[in-house]
Structure formats: structure tokens, C-alpha cells
């Protein structure tokens, strides 16, 4: 089961810059391109650099350490095939940027 979680205000994100948001223990890189928002895992699949600090060009982000490139719309690695990132659906509701995440399974209520 999934749910949308508010992670930022839409007017707080500058175009062409990334922002790290935390959902639970997960770090997610959030980007704005025009009026669209994209979310991918924040850690580069090469050496784990924070992609929120990468160089944004169109719908691509380059890792700040070794310039591996990722498509922020899908998480696909454009440098080495198969080293893709998880991408997350994003929506904007009443000026709030929301990311869809998997909700943790509900704890069993049976007392065994």
C-alpha cells in the first residue's frame, strides 16, 4: 500500500537545483524543472554521493563526485546501464509537493 507524503512547499524549490528531503530514514532528491517536480533516491549508485547537490541540465542530474548522469524522470542511469535509481511519483496539492512512498505494513493486531 502506498501513500503521498508532503515533503516541501512548491515555492521553496528553485528551478535547476536539487533539495534533499527525508521520508522516514530514506533520503530523496527532489528537483524542479519548470512547473514539474521529480523525486529519485538521493545516493548515486556509483559511490553514494548526494545527487541533490548534482548539476541539473534539463531532466538530467550529474553526480557531484564523478559526473554519472541520471534521468530524474525515471531514475535511469545514463552512464552505466543497469545502475538505475528508484524514482517516486510526485504531485502538487495546494502548493505542497508530495511524494508517493510505500507505506510500511500494518502491525498485526492479533495477540497470538
Protein backbone atom coordinates (compact mmCIF):
# COMPACT_ATOMS: atom_id res chain seq x y z
CA UNK A 1 0.00 0.00 0.00
CA UNK A 2 1.32 3.45 -0.83
CA UNK A 3 0.58 6.96 0.36
CA UNK A 4 1.53 10.52 -0.57
CA UNK A 5 3.66 12.41 1.95
CA UNK A 6 4.20 16.18 1.93
CA UNK A 7 7.92 16.96 1.70
CA UNK A 8 8.14 20.64 0.68
CA UNK A 9 6.29 23.75 -0.38
CA UNK A 10 6.37 24.18 -4.16
CA UNK A 11 7.54 27.79 -3.97
CA UNK A 12 10.53 26.75 -1.81
CA UNK A 13 12.20 24.88 -4.68
CA UNK A 14 14.26 26.78 -7.22
CA UNK A 15 14.32 25.54 -10.77
CA UNK A 16 17.54 23.76 -11.65
CA UNK A 17 18.53 23.00 -8.06
CA UNK A 18 18.03 19.87 -6.02
CA UNK A 19 16.83 19.53 -2.47
CA UNK A 20 17.27 16.61 -0.11
CA UNK A 21 14.10 15.57 1.69
CA UNK A 22 13.76 12.82 4.27
CA UNK A 23 10.85 10.44 4.42
CA UNK A 24 11.41 8.27 7.47
CA UNK A 25 15.03 7.17 7.11
CA UNK A 26 15.01 7.47 3.31
CA UNK A 27 16.83 10.42 1.68
CA UNK A 28 15.22 11.51 -1.57
CA UNK A 29 16.50 14.09 -4.07
CA UNK A 30 13.73 16.44 -5.17
CA UNK A 31 14.06 18.55 -8.33
CA UNK A 32 12.02 21.21 -10.07
CA UNK A 33 12.04 21.62 -13.85
CA UNK A 34 9.62 24.35 -14.89
CA UNK A 35 6.36 23.57 -13.14
CA UNK A 36 7.15 19.86 -12.80
CA UNK A 37 8.73 18.11 -9.81
CA UNK A 38 10.74 14.87 -9.80
CA UNK A 39 12.00 12.64 -7.00
CA UNK A 40 14.71 9.97 -7.07
CA UNK A 41 16.88 8.25 -4.47
CA UNK A 42 19.48 10.73 -3.28
CA UNK A 43 22.51 8.38 -3.29
CA UNK A 44 24.39 7.89 -6.56
CA UNK A 45 24.68 4.18 -7.40
CA UNK A 46 28.43 4.62 -8.06
CA UNK A 47 29.82 5.81 -4.71
CA UNK A 48 26.78 7.20 -2.90
CA UNK A 49 27.24 10.94 -3.44
CA UNK A 50 24.21 13.12 -2.70
CA UNK A 51 22.53 13.77 -6.03
CA UNK A 52 20.63 16.74 -4.61
CA UNK A 53 23.98 18.58 -4.97
CA UNK A 54 24.47 17.48 -8.57
CA UNK A 55 24.41 19.60 -11.71
CA UNK A 56 20.95 19.76 -13.27
CA UNK A 57 20.59 20.09 -17.01
CA UNK A 58 17.07 19.68 -18.33
CA UNK A 59 15.74 16.40 -16.94
CA UNK A 60 19.21 15.05 -16.14
CA UNK A 61 21.26 15.32 -12.97
CA UNK A 62 25.00 14.64 -12.84
CA UNK A 63 26.58 13.25 -9.69
CA UNK A 64 28.75 15.91 -8.00
CA UNK A 65 31.63 13.44 -7.46
CA UNK A 66 32.17 11.54 -10.72
CA UNK A 67 29.53 13.01 -13.07
CA UNK A 68 27.44 9.88 -13.50
CA UNK A 69 24.22 11.04 -15.11
CA UNK A 70 20.67 10.06 -14.21
CA UNK A 71 17.31 10.79 -15.80
CA UNK A 72 15.35 12.36 -12.96
CA UNK A 73 12.02 11.44 -14.59
CA UNK A 74 12.70 7.70 -14.31
CA UNK A 75 15.85 7.20 -12.20
CA UNK A 76 17.56 5.55 -15.17
CA UNK A 77 21.35 5.72 -15.09
CA UNK A 78 22.56 7.25 -18.37
CA UNK A 79 26.23 6.45 -17.68
CA UNK A 80 26.23 2.74 -16.87
CA UNK A 81 23.21 0.63 -17.88
CA UNK A 82 21.57 -1.20 -15.01
CA UNK A 83 22.76 1.16 -12.25
CA UNK A 84 19.35 2.86 -12.02
CA UNK A 85 17.82 4.64 -9.03
CA UNK A 86 14.33 4.36 -7.61
CA UNK A 87 12.08 7.18 -8.76
CA UNK A 88 8.98 8.31 -6.92
CA UNK A 89 5.66 9.67 -8.21
CA UNK A 90 5.25 13.34 -7.27
CA UNK A 91 2.18 15.56 -7.15
CA UNK A 92 1.45 19.11 -6.04
CA UNK A 93 -1.64 19.72 -3.93
CA UNK A 94 -2.46 23.24 -2.70
CA UNK A 95 1.18 24.31 -3.08
CA UNK A 96 2.55 21.26 -1.25
CA UNK A 97 4.93 18.88 -3.03
CA UNK A 98 4.02 15.31 -2.16
CA UNK A 99 5.95 12.10 -2.88
CA UNK A 100 4.27 8.71 -3.12
CA UNK A 101 6.00 6.15 -0.92
CA UNK A 102 5.28 2.61 0.13
CA UNK A 103 3.56 2.62 3.49
CA UNK A 104 5.04 0.18 5.99
CA UNK A 105 2.89 -2.89 6.57
CA UNK A 106 0.43 -2.54 9.41
CA UNK A 107 1.42 -4.33 12.60
CA UNK A 108 -0.58 -7.43 13.29
CA UNK A 109 -3.23 -6.80 15.88
CA UNK A 110 -3.67 -10.43 16.83
CA UNK A 111 -2.38 -11.37 20.23
CA UNK A 112 -1.34 -14.82 19.08
